[in-house]
Amino acid sequence: MDGVTAGAGRRAVVMGASLAGLLAARALAGSFDEVVVVDRDVLPDLPGNRRGVPQDRHVHGLLARGRQILEEYFPGITEELRAAGAVMGDVAGNVCWIMDGVPMRKGHAGLLTVSVSRPTLEAHVRRRVRDLAGVRLLDRTEVVGLLFSPDGQRVTGVRTVEARRAGGDAALAADLVVDTLGRGSRVPRWLGQQGWPEIAEERTHVGLAYTTRHYRAGPQPSPEDFSVDIVAMPDHPRGAVCARIDGGVQVVTAYGILGDVPPTDPEGFLDFLKSLPSPKIYEAIVENEEPLGDPVSYRFPASLRRRYERAERLPSGLLALGDAVCSFNPTYGQGMTVAALGSLVLRAHAADGRTPDPAAYFRDLARDAVDEAWRQALSNDLAFPGVEGVRTPEILADQEYVGRVLEAAQYDGAVTAAYTRVISFVDPPEALHAPGVRQALPPV
């Protein structure tokens, strides 16, 4: 092992350069002299697919609250994305939401949402992060372990291996290490090898598979909309999204749950779209679109939550963020926004210049970033009869009430606006119980 790499001042190391890792670096930049983001992929200046992010070819959702946080961190980035071709509009007025074959009535949520490819979004954020004083992106370098203090009670850095250089691993010392390595993170295993208690996990097996094909953008399925979302429902457990994104492209992602896999051959892919409860996307593709490449698939077996906030003991000097803590059913588009919310928690806990207390951090991360998103995702997933899980009275009551909200939204644009503001994490769930919404609901 090479000698420990150390430098003057306080250093934070972020493991992983996904959006969660980049936002973690932004959150820490004002509290540490140096922030090093380590990733095994090449991190290009221009947009491009990354081997370590196989899902980046598919539709990604940056919810309105996530866009607000990005704009706070990087003023002007919304207009940068627009200039790069990203398409924008109101989440209730320029998205066609279709539930059980019936469109929700258009409303005005007052929330700007961005339709952009993940490679383009990450490239713009990555450039902004590279420009931050004291931040360094260390690519083609894999983290292969943690460093601990002699008594094992504190994480003091990471062990790395460079793809460009043969030989042993090297040590990168740090005052704080943040895990943003995603759902496949090996950090829980590394902690176990050091004698720390196992981190409890919760899984909801949804058996999700989705298949995506890109097309040269023609007329929109709905002219006033930049996205059409045919949402999978218990009576119709298949869905699809057709979204205009940057570069004059429309991306179509079809998905099925519990082992229902959209085909990757072109004819099978179209047949799957044709089987959906609304013909809107299928007809637009057949009539107007020119394919750009073949369909590609990705599978997502289960939503995963690591309950760090319930751990009896945790080492100091180590935190986690994003999918490394909670990885959601991607059809809800929550992941990037929850990572952004988590970065605000990280910023607050690092703001005093001291190493954060892990117990307090994970408690606040759960409360302020993860709990509500997990509640929404779990309630939605358990609405499908084949998904295993405990359907508590609270979940059943939530499912019944949201079902009435969605029924009312077929006729009332104000209800649509209220619903989209809640699922965009701008308004709390209590907003769906406001008098104006309740009065619009169908009788029980």
Protein backbone atom coordinates (compact mmCIF):
# COMPACT_ATOMS: atom_id res chain seq x y z
CA MET A 1 0.00 0.00 0.00
CA ASP A 2 1.29 3.43 -0.91
CA GLY A 3 1.72 6.09 1.73
CA VAL A 4 -1.24 8.04 2.99
CA THR A 5 -2.02 11.00 0.75
CA ALA A 6 -2.63 14.02 2.95
CA GLY A 7 -2.62 17.74 2.53
CA ALA A 8 -3.00 20.93 4.48
CA GLY A 9 -6.40 21.77 5.88
CA ARG A 10 -9.54 19.70 6.27
CA ARG A 11 -10.54 17.27 3.54
CA ALA A 12 -13.79 15.54 2.67
CA VAL A 13 -13.93 12.58 0.30
CA VAL A 14 -17.12 11.82 -1.63
CA MET A 15 -17.32 8.29 -3.02
CA GLY A 16 -19.17 8.42 -6.34
CA ALA A 17 -19.71 11.19 -8.90
CA SER A 18 -23.38 10.63 -9.64
CA LEU A 19 -25.72 13.57 -9.15
CA ALA A 20 -25.86 12.69 -5.44
CA GLY A 21 -22.07 12.80 -5.23
CA LEU A 22 -21.85 16.08 -7.11
CA LEU A 23 -24.46 17.68 -4.86
CA ALA A 24 -22.68 16.34 -1.79
CA ALA A 25 -19.50 18.05 -3.01
CA ARG A 26 -21.41 21.30 -3.49
CA ALA A 27 -22.89 21.02 -0.01
CA LEU A 28 -19.45 20.47 1.58
CA ALA A 29 -17.46 22.97 -0.48
CA GLY A 30 -17.99 25.81 1.95
CA SER A 31 -17.01 23.82 5.03
CA PHE A 32 -13.85 21.97 3.95
CA ASP A 33 -10.60 23.21 2.51
CA GLU A 34 -10.63 20.36 0.00
CA VAL A 35 -13.37 18.11 -1.33
CA VAL A 36 -12.32 15.14 -3.47
CA VAL A 37 -14.96 13.28 -5.48
CA VAL A 38 -13.75 9.79 -6.44
CA ASP A 39 -15.33 7.77 -9.25
CA ARG A 40 -14.21 4.75 -11.25
CA ASP A 41 -15.67 6.09 -14.52
CA VAL A 42 -14.19 8.62 -16.88
CA LEU A 43 -15.94 11.91 -16.09
CA PRO A 44 -16.15 13.81 -19.40
CA ASP A 45 -16.71 17.51 -19.81
CA LEU A 46 -19.43 16.91 -22.40
CA PRO A 47 -22.61 14.82 -21.97
CA GLY A 48 -22.09 11.12 -22.48
CA ASN A 49 -23.32 7.77 -21.22
CA ARG A 50 -21.27 6.26 -18.41
CA ARG A 51 -20.58 2.58 -17.90
CA GLY A 52 -21.20 2.93 -14.17
CA VAL A 53 -24.68 4.36 -14.78
CA PRO A 54 -26.38 1.82 -17.07
CA GLN A 55 -29.79 3.39 -16.39
CA ASP A 56 -28.77 6.80 -17.78
CA ARG A 57 -30.23 6.01 -21.23
CA HIS A 58 -33.75 5.88 -19.81
CA VAL A 59 -36.21 8.61 -18.84
CA HIS A 60 -35.17 10.49 -15.71
CA GLY A 61 -37.27 12.86 -13.68
CA LEU A 62 -35.95 15.94 -11.95
CA LEU A 63 -38.92 17.00 -9.85
CA ALA A 64 -39.69 20.65 -9.25
CA ARG A 65 -38.14 20.74 -5.77
CA GLY A 66 -34.97 19.19 -7.14
CA ARG A 67 -34.74 21.88 -9.82
CA GLN A 68 -35.21 24.57 -7.18
CA ILE A 69 -32.31 23.18 -5.14
CA LEU A 70 -30.05 22.97 -8.20
CA GLU A 71 -30.86 26.58 -9.03
CA GLU A 72 -30.02 27.62 -5.46
CA TYR A 73 -26.68 25.83 -5.62
CA PHE A 74 -25.83 26.89 -9.18
CA PRO A 75 -27.59 30.15 -10.09
CA GLY A 76 -28.52 30.27 -13.76
CA ILE A 77 -28.30 26.50 -14.36
CA THR A 78 -31.96 26.32 -15.38
CA GLU A 79 -31.33 28.69 -18.27
CA GLU A 80 -28.12 26.84 -19.11
CA LEU A 81 -30.11 23.64 -19.48
CA ARG A 82 -32.73 25.42 -21.56
CA ALA A 83 -29.99 26.71 -23.85
CA ALA A 84 -28.69 23.14 -24.16
CA GLY A 85 -32.08 22.03 -25.43
CA ALA A 86 -33.87 20.98 -22.24
CA VAL A 87 -37.65 21.37 -22.44
CA MET A 88 -39.53 23.08 -19.62
CA GLY A 89 -43.07 23.71 -18.51
CA ASP A 90 -45.56 23.50 -15.70
CA VAL A 91 -45.81 20.10 -14.06
CA ALA A 92 -49.63 20.21 -14.06
CA GLY A 93 -50.16 22.22 -17.22
CA ASN A 94 -47.60 20.80 -19.66
CA VAL A 95 -47.51 17.14 -18.67
CA CYS A 96 -50.29 14.82 -19.77
CA TRP A 97 -50.92 12.48 -16.83
CA ILE A 98 -53.04 9.44 -17.77
CA MET A 99 -54.37 7.16 -15.02
CA ASP A 100 -56.32 3.99 -15.95
CA GLY A 101 -56.63 5.36 -19.47
CA VAL A 102 -58.18 8.65 -18.36
CA PRO A 103 -56.20 11.93 -18.57
CA MET A 104 -56.06 14.17 -15.52
CA ARG A 105 -57.54 17.61 -16.09
CA LYS A 106 -54.88 20.23 -16.78
CA GLY A 107 -54.13 22.71 -14.02
CA HIS A 108 -51.48 25.25 -13.11
CA ALA A 109 -49.18 24.17 -10.30
CA GLY A 110 -46.85 27.14 -10.61
CA LEU A 111 -43.90 24.77 -10.72
CA LEU A 112 -41.31 24.80 -13.47
CA THR A 113 -40.10 21.30 -14.26
CA VAL A 114 -37.27 20.30 -16.59
CA SER A 115 -37.22 17.49 -19.14
CA VAL A 116 -33.59 16.68 -19.87
CA SER A 117 -31.43 13.61 -20.40
CA ARG A 118 -29.44 12.47 -17.40
CA PRO A 119 -26.07 12.73 -19.21
CA THR A 120 -26.79 16.37 -20.11
CA LEU A 121 -27.95 17.23 -16.60
CA GLU A 122 -24.94 15.60 -14.96
CA ALA A 123 -22.52 17.23 -17.41
CA HIS A 124 -23.78 20.71 -16.54
CA VAL A 125 -23.74 20.04 -12.81
CA ARG A 126 -20.31 18.42 -13.08
CA ARG A 127 -18.90 21.49 -14.82
CA ARG A 128 -20.27 23.74 -12.11
CA VAL A 129 -18.81 21.53 -9.40
CA ARG A 130 -15.41 21.46 -11.11
CA ASP A 131 -15.41 25.24 -10.97
CA LEU A 132 -15.82 25.32 -7.18
CA ALA A 133 -12.76 26.37 -5.20
CA GLY A 134 -11.18 23.42 -3.42
CA VAL A 135 -13.18 20.73 -5.22
CA ARG A 136 -11.38 18.07 -7.25
CA LEU A 137 -12.90 15.27 -9.34
CA LEU A 138 -10.72 12.16 -9.28
CA ASP A 139 -11.96 9.90 -12.05
CA ARG A 140 -10.84 6.42 -13.21
CA THR A 141 -10.24 5.66 -9.54
CA GLU A 142 -12.20 3.07 -7.56
CA VAL A 143 -12.74 3.09 -3.81
CA VAL A 144 -11.97 -0.41 -2.55
CA GLY A 145 -12.21 0.06 1.21
CA LEU A 146 -12.35 2.39 4.18
CA LEU A 147 -9.56 3.52 6.47
CA PHE A 148 -10.16 3.45 10.23
CA SER A 149 -8.50 4.95 13.25
CA PRO A 150 -6.43 2.55 15.41
CA ASP A 151 -9.37 2.00 17.77
CA GLY A 152 -11.74 1.39 14.84
CA GLN A 153 -14.20 4.05 16.00
CA ARG A 154 -13.59 6.58 13.27
CA VAL A 155 -13.35 6.46 9.48
CA THR A 156 -10.22 8.35 8.48
CA GLY A 157 -10.25 7.99 4.69
CA VAL A 158 -10.55 5.54 1.82
CA ARG A 159 -8.41 3.04 -0.04
CA THR A 160 -8.36 3.54 -3.80
CA VAL A 161 -7.12 1.86 -6.95
CA GLU A 162 -6.38 3.81 -10.13
CA ALA A 163 -7.49 2.21 -13.37
CA ARG A 164 -4.64 3.97 -15.19
CA ARG A 165 -1.88 2.61 -13.02
CA ALA A 166 -0.83 -0.94 -12.21
CA GLY A 167 0.19 -1.75 -8.68
CA GLY A 168 -1.29 -1.69 -5.20
CA ASP A 169 -3.90 0.50 -3.65
CA ALA A 170 -3.37 3.95 -2.23
CA ALA A 171 -4.78 5.70 0.81
CA LEU A 172 -6.63 8.98 0.68
CA ALA A 173 -6.98 10.50 4.13
CA ALA A 174 -10.10 12.46 5.01
CA ASP A 175 -11.81 14.16 7.92
CA LEU A 176 -15.16 13.11 6.46
CA VAL A 177 -16.15 10.40 3.98
CA VAL A 178 -19.55 10.48 2.25
CA ASP A 179 -20.94 7.38 0.53
CA THR A 180 -22.82 8.15 -2.68
CA LEU A 181 -22.01 4.84 -4.35
CA GLY A 182 -25.67 3.97 -4.88
CA ARG A 183 -27.71 0.90 -4.00
CA GLY A 184 -24.73 -1.35 -4.76
CA SER A 185 -22.52 0.35 -2.20
CA ARG A 186 -20.18 -1.99 -0.32
CA VAL A 187 -19.94 0.33 2.69
CA PRO A 188 -22.31 -1.77 4.88
CA ARG A 189 -20.13 -4.81 4.19
CA TRP A 190 -16.94 -2.88 4.95
CA LEU A 191 -18.44 -1.75 8.25
CA GLY A 192 -19.35 -5.34 9.10
CA GLN A 193 -15.81 -6.48 8.39
CA GLN A 194 -14.66 -3.90 10.91
CA GLY A 195 -17.04 -5.26 13.56
CA TRP A 196 -19.80 -2.67 13.31
CA PRO A 197 -23.43 -3.83 13.64
CA GLU A 198 -25.31 -4.73 10.49
CA ILE A 199 -27.30 -1.90 8.91
CA ALA A 200 -30.96 -2.94 8.77
CA GLU A 201 -32.49 -2.96 5.31
CA GLU A 202 -36.04 -2.86 4.00
CA ARG A 203 -36.90 -4.08 0.52
CA THR A 204 -40.06 -3.91 -1.54
CA HIS A 205 -39.83 -6.35 -4.43
CA VAL A 206 -41.53 -4.78 -7.45
CA GLY A 207 -39.86 -6.78 -10.23
CA LEU A 208 -39.72 -3.68 -12.43
CA ALA A 209 -38.33 -3.83 -15.95
CA TYR A 210 -38.22 -0.97 -18.39
CA THR A 211 -37.23 -0.61 -22.01
CA THR A 212 -36.34 2.63 -23.74
CA ARG A 213 -36.02 3.76 -27.32
CA HIS A 214 -35.00 7.19 -28.58
CA TYR A 215 -36.60 8.88 -31.58
CA ARG A 216 -35.96 11.98 -33.59
CA ALA A 217 -38.53 14.37 -32.22
CA GLY A 218 -41.65 14.84 -34.32
CA PRO A 219 -44.99 16.30 -33.26
CA GLN A 220 -45.78 15.79 -29.59
CA PRO A 221 -48.47 13.24 -28.68
CA SER A 222 -50.17 16.24 -27.05
CA PRO A 223 -49.05 19.51 -28.71
CA GLU A 224 -49.11 21.57 -25.50
CA ASP A 225 -47.19 18.96 -23.49
CA PHE A 226 -43.52 18.07 -23.27
CA SER A 227 -44.28 14.73 -21.61
CA VAL A 228 -47.04 12.13 -21.71
CA ASP A 229 -47.07 9.79 -18.71
CA ILE A 230 -49.31 6.72 -18.91
CA VAL A 231 -49.05 5.63 -15.30
CA ALA A 232 -49.16 1.95 -14.34
CA MET A 233 -52.12 1.28 -12.05
CA PRO A 234 -53.34 -1.85 -10.25
CA ASP A 235 -55.93 -2.49 -12.98
CA HIS A 236 -53.38 -1.75 -15.74
CA PRO A 237 -49.91 -2.68 -14.39
CA ARG A 238 -48.05 -1.39 -17.42
CA GLY A 239 -46.97 2.15 -18.16
CA ALA A 240 -44.85 4.36 -20.38
CA VAL A 241 -43.42 7.86 -20.61
CA CYS A 242 -42.85 9.80 -23.81
CA ALA A 243 -40.81 12.94 -23.14
CA ARG A 244 -39.18 15.59 -25.28
CA ILE A 245 -35.59 16.04 -24.09
CA ASP A 246 -32.47 17.89 -25.20
CA GLY A 247 -30.98 17.48 -28.63
CA GLY A 248 -34.24 17.35 -30.58
CA VAL A 249 -35.00 13.88 -29.23
CA GLN A 250 -38.03 12.15 -27.80
CA VAL A 251 -37.36 9.34 -25.38
CA VAL A 252 -39.95 6.63 -24.82
CA THR A 253 -39.61 4.40 -21.77
CA ALA A 254 -42.09 1.55 -21.34
CA TYR A 255 -42.24 -0.41 -18.10
CA GLY A 256 -43.91 -3.36 -16.44
CA ILE A 257 -43.90 -4.71 -12.91
CA LEU A 258 -43.63 -8.15 -11.32
CA GLY A 259 -41.66 -9.64 -14.18
CA ASP A 260 -43.59 -8.07 -17.07
CA VAL A 261 -40.70 -7.11 -19.34
CA PRO A 262 -41.21 -4.75 -22.29
CA PRO A 263 -39.53 -6.37 -25.30
CA THR A 264 -36.32 -5.05 -26.83
CA ASP A 265 -37.17 -5.97 -30.42
CA PRO A 266 -38.76 -3.03 -32.25
CA GLU A 267 -42.03 -4.77 -33.11
CA GLY A 268 -42.45 -6.18 -29.62
CA PHE A 269 -41.73 -2.77 -28.13
CA LEU A 270 -44.49 -1.20 -30.26
CA ASP A 271 -46.89 -4.01 -29.35
CA PHE A 272 -46.23 -3.32 -25.67
CA LEU A 273 -47.02 0.38 -26.18
CA LYS A 274 -50.17 -0.61 -28.07
CA SER A 275 -51.31 -2.71 -25.08
CA LEU A 276 -51.39 0.27 -22.72
CA PRO A 277 -54.75 1.64 -21.56
CA SER A 278 -54.22 4.78 -23.65
CA PRO A 279 -53.11 4.71 -27.32
CA LYS A 280 -51.61 8.22 -27.12
CA ILE A 281 -47.92 7.27 -27.14
CA TYR A 282 -48.27 4.34 -29.52
CA GLU A 283 -50.12 6.38 -32.14
CA ALA A 284 -47.62 9.24 -31.97
CA ILE A 285 -44.66 6.88 -32.38
CA VAL A 286 -46.16 4.90 -35.26
CA GLU A 287 -47.28 8.00 -37.16
CA ASN A 288 -44.45 10.45 -36.64
CA GLU A 289 -41.24 9.15 -35.13
CA GLU A 290 -37.90 8.13 -36.62
CA PRO A 291 -36.03 5.67 -34.37
CA LEU A 292 -32.53 6.52 -33.18
CA GLY A 293 -31.08 3.13 -32.27
CA ASP A 294 -32.60 -0.03 -30.87
CA PRO A 295 -34.56 -0.40 -27.62
CA VAL A 296 -32.50 -1.07 -24.49
CA SER A 297 -33.66 -2.54 -21.18
CA TYR A 298 -32.89 -2.19 -17.50
CA ARG A 299 -34.21 -4.16 -14.54
CA PHE A 300 -34.92 -2.93 -11.04
CA PRO A 301 -35.80 -5.79 -8.69
CA ALA A 302 -36.67 -3.98 -5.47
CA SER A 303 -36.86 -0.65 -3.73
CA LEU A 304 -34.24 -0.57 -0.97
CA ARG A 305 -33.91 1.47 2.20
CA ARG A 306 -30.93 1.20 4.52
CA ARG A 307 -32.00 2.23 8.00
CA TYR A 308 -28.89 4.05 9.13
CA GLU A 309 -31.04 6.22 11.39
CA ARG A 310 -31.94 3.10 13.45
CA ALA A 311 -28.37 1.89 13.94
CA GLU A 312 -27.32 1.52 17.58
CA ARG A 313 -23.75 2.59 16.81
CA LEU A 314 -22.04 4.21 13.84
CA PRO A 315 -18.43 5.27 13.31
CA SER A 316 -17.72 8.97 13.18
CA GLY A 317 -16.36 10.44 9.98
CA LEU A 318 -18.73 8.51 7.68
CA LEU A 319 -22.07 9.59 6.18
CA ALA A 320 -24.18 8.45 3.22
CA LEU A 321 -26.53 10.10 0.76
CA GLY A 322 -28.79 9.32 -2.19
CA ASP A 323 -29.37 5.76 -3.40
CA ALA A 324 -26.74 4.51 -0.94
CA VAL A 325 -29.40 5.21 1.70
CA CYS A 326 -32.64 4.76 -0.21
CA SER A 327 -33.24 3.56 -3.77
CA PHE A 328 -36.80 4.05 -4.99
CA ASN A 329 -38.92 2.48 -7.68
CA PRO A 330 -37.67 4.71 -10.55
CA THR A 331 -41.10 5.10 -12.17
CA TYR A 332 -41.87 7.74 -9.53
CA GLY A 333 -38.90 9.90 -10.52
CA GLN A 334 -37.93 10.60 -6.90
CA GLY A 335 -34.27 9.62 -6.71
CA MET A 336 -32.45 12.74 -7.93
CA THR A 337 -34.71 15.08 -5.99
CA VAL A 338 -34.37 13.10 -2.76
CA ALA A 339 -30.59 13.25 -3.22
CA ALA A 340 -30.86 17.02 -3.59
CA LEU A 341 -32.96 17.24 -0.42
CA GLY A 342 -30.40 15.10 1.37
CA SER A 343 -27.60 17.40 0.28
CA LEU A 344 -29.31 20.24 2.15
CA VAL A 345 -29.21 18.11 5.30
CA LEU A 346 -25.53 17.39 4.69
CA ARG A 347 -24.80 21.08 4.19
CA ALA A 348 -26.54 21.98 7.44
CA HIS A 349 -24.65 19.36 9.46
CA ALA A 350 -21.27 20.36 8.01
CA ALA A 351 -21.87 24.12 8.23
CA ASP A 352 -20.26 24.63 11.64
CA GLY A 353 -16.91 23.35 10.43
CA ARG A 354 -16.96 20.26 12.61
CA THR A 355 -17.31 16.64 11.57
CA PRO A 356 -21.06 15.88 11.71
CA ASP A 357 -22.49 13.56 14.34
CA PRO A 358 -23.67 10.54 12.30
CA ALA A 359 -26.66 9.71 14.51
CA ALA A 360 -28.02 13.26 14.30
CA TYR A 361 -27.31 13.47 10.58
CA PHE A 362 -29.07 10.22 9.66
CA ARG A 363 -32.02 11.10 11.88
CA ASP A 364 -32.45 14.42 10.08
CA LEU A 365 -31.83 12.84 6.67
CA ALA A 366 -34.67 10.41 7.28
CA ARG A 367 -37.06 13.10 8.50
CA ASP A 368 -36.24 15.85 5.99
CA ALA A 369 -35.36 13.94 2.82
CA VAL A 370 -36.35 10.28 2.80
CA ASP A 371 -39.41 9.50 4.93
CA GLU A 372 -42.08 11.19 2.81
CA ALA A 373 -40.68 9.91 -0.49
CA TRP A 374 -40.48 6.38 0.93
CA ARG A 375 -44.04 6.64 2.25
CA GLN A 376 -45.36 7.70 -1.15
CA ALA A 377 -43.41 5.03 -3.01
CA LEU A 378 -44.38 2.27 -0.57
CA SER A 379 -48.05 3.19 -0.70
CA ASN A 380 -47.98 3.21 -4.50
CA ASP A 381 -46.08 -0.08 -4.76
CA LEU A 382 -48.36 -1.90 -2.32
CA ALA A 383 -51.40 -0.85 -4.34
CA PHE A 384 -50.40 -3.64 -6.78
CA PRO A 385 -51.81 -6.90 -5.34
CA GLY A 386 -48.79 -8.97 -6.36
CA VAL A 387 -46.27 -6.81 -4.48
CA GLU A 388 -45.48 -8.34 -1.10
CA GLY A 389 -45.51 -6.15 1.98
CA VAL A 390 -47.46 -5.19 5.07
CA ARG A 391 -50.49 -3.12 4.19
CA THR A 392 -51.00 -1.24 7.41
CA PRO A 393 -54.26 0.61 8.14
CA GLU A 394 -52.38 3.85 7.45
CA ILE A 395 -51.28 2.65 4.01
CA LEU A 396 -54.77 1.39 3.13
CA ALA A 397 -56.30 4.70 4.20
CA ASP A 398 -53.74 6.61 2.14
CA GLN A 399 -54.38 4.47 -0.93
CA GLU A 400 -58.13 5.00 -0.62
CA TYR A 401 -57.81 8.75 -0.19
CA VAL A 402 -55.28 9.24 -3.01
CA GLY A 403 -57.53 7.16 -5.25
CA ARG A 404 -60.33 9.65 -4.64
CA VAL A 405 -57.93 12.53 -5.31
CA LEU A 406 -56.95 11.02 -8.66
CA GLU A 407 -60.61 10.48 -9.55
CA ALA A 408 -61.36 14.12 -8.78
CA ALA A 409 -58.33 15.19 -10.82
CA GLN A 410 -60.01 13.79 -13.94
CA TYR A 411 -62.45 16.72 -13.73
CA ASP A 412 -60.73 19.43 -11.66
CA GLY A 413 -57.43 21.02 -12.70
CA ALA A 414 -56.97 22.56 -9.25
CA VAL A 415 -56.87 19.05 -7.75
CA THR A 416 -54.33 18.01 -10.40
CA ALA A 417 -52.19 21.01 -9.44
CA ALA A 418 -52.42 20.19 -5.72
CA TYR A 419 -51.51 16.54 -6.34
CA THR A 420 -48.50 17.37 -8.54
CA ARG A 421 -47.19 19.90 -5.99
CA VAL A 422 -47.20 17.16 -3.33
CA ILE A 423 -45.50 14.50 -5.46
CA SER A 424 -42.96 17.16 -6.50
CA PHE A 425 -42.03 17.61 -2.80
CA VAL A 426 -42.89 21.30 -2.82
CA ASP A 427 -46.03 21.00 -0.67
CA PRO A 428 -46.48 18.61 2.28
CA PRO A 429 -48.96 15.71 2.01
CA GLU A 430 -51.36 17.62 4.24
CA ALA A 431 -52.02 19.92 1.27
CA LEU A 432 -54.18 17.18 -0.25
CA HIS A 433 -56.50 17.57 2.73
CA ALA A 434 -57.04 21.29 2.22
CA PRO A 435 -60.72 22.33 2.06
CA GLY A 436 -60.57 23.13 -1.66
CA VAL A 437 -59.32 19.62 -2.46
CA ARG A 438 -61.66 17.81 -0.08
CA GLN A 439 -64.70 19.57 -1.51
CA ALA A 440 -63.83 18.30 -4.97
CA LEU A 441 -63.53 14.65 -3.97
CA PRO A 442 -66.16 12.08 -4.93
CA PRO A 443 -68.18 10.66 -2.03
CA VAL A 444 -66.87 7.63 -0.20
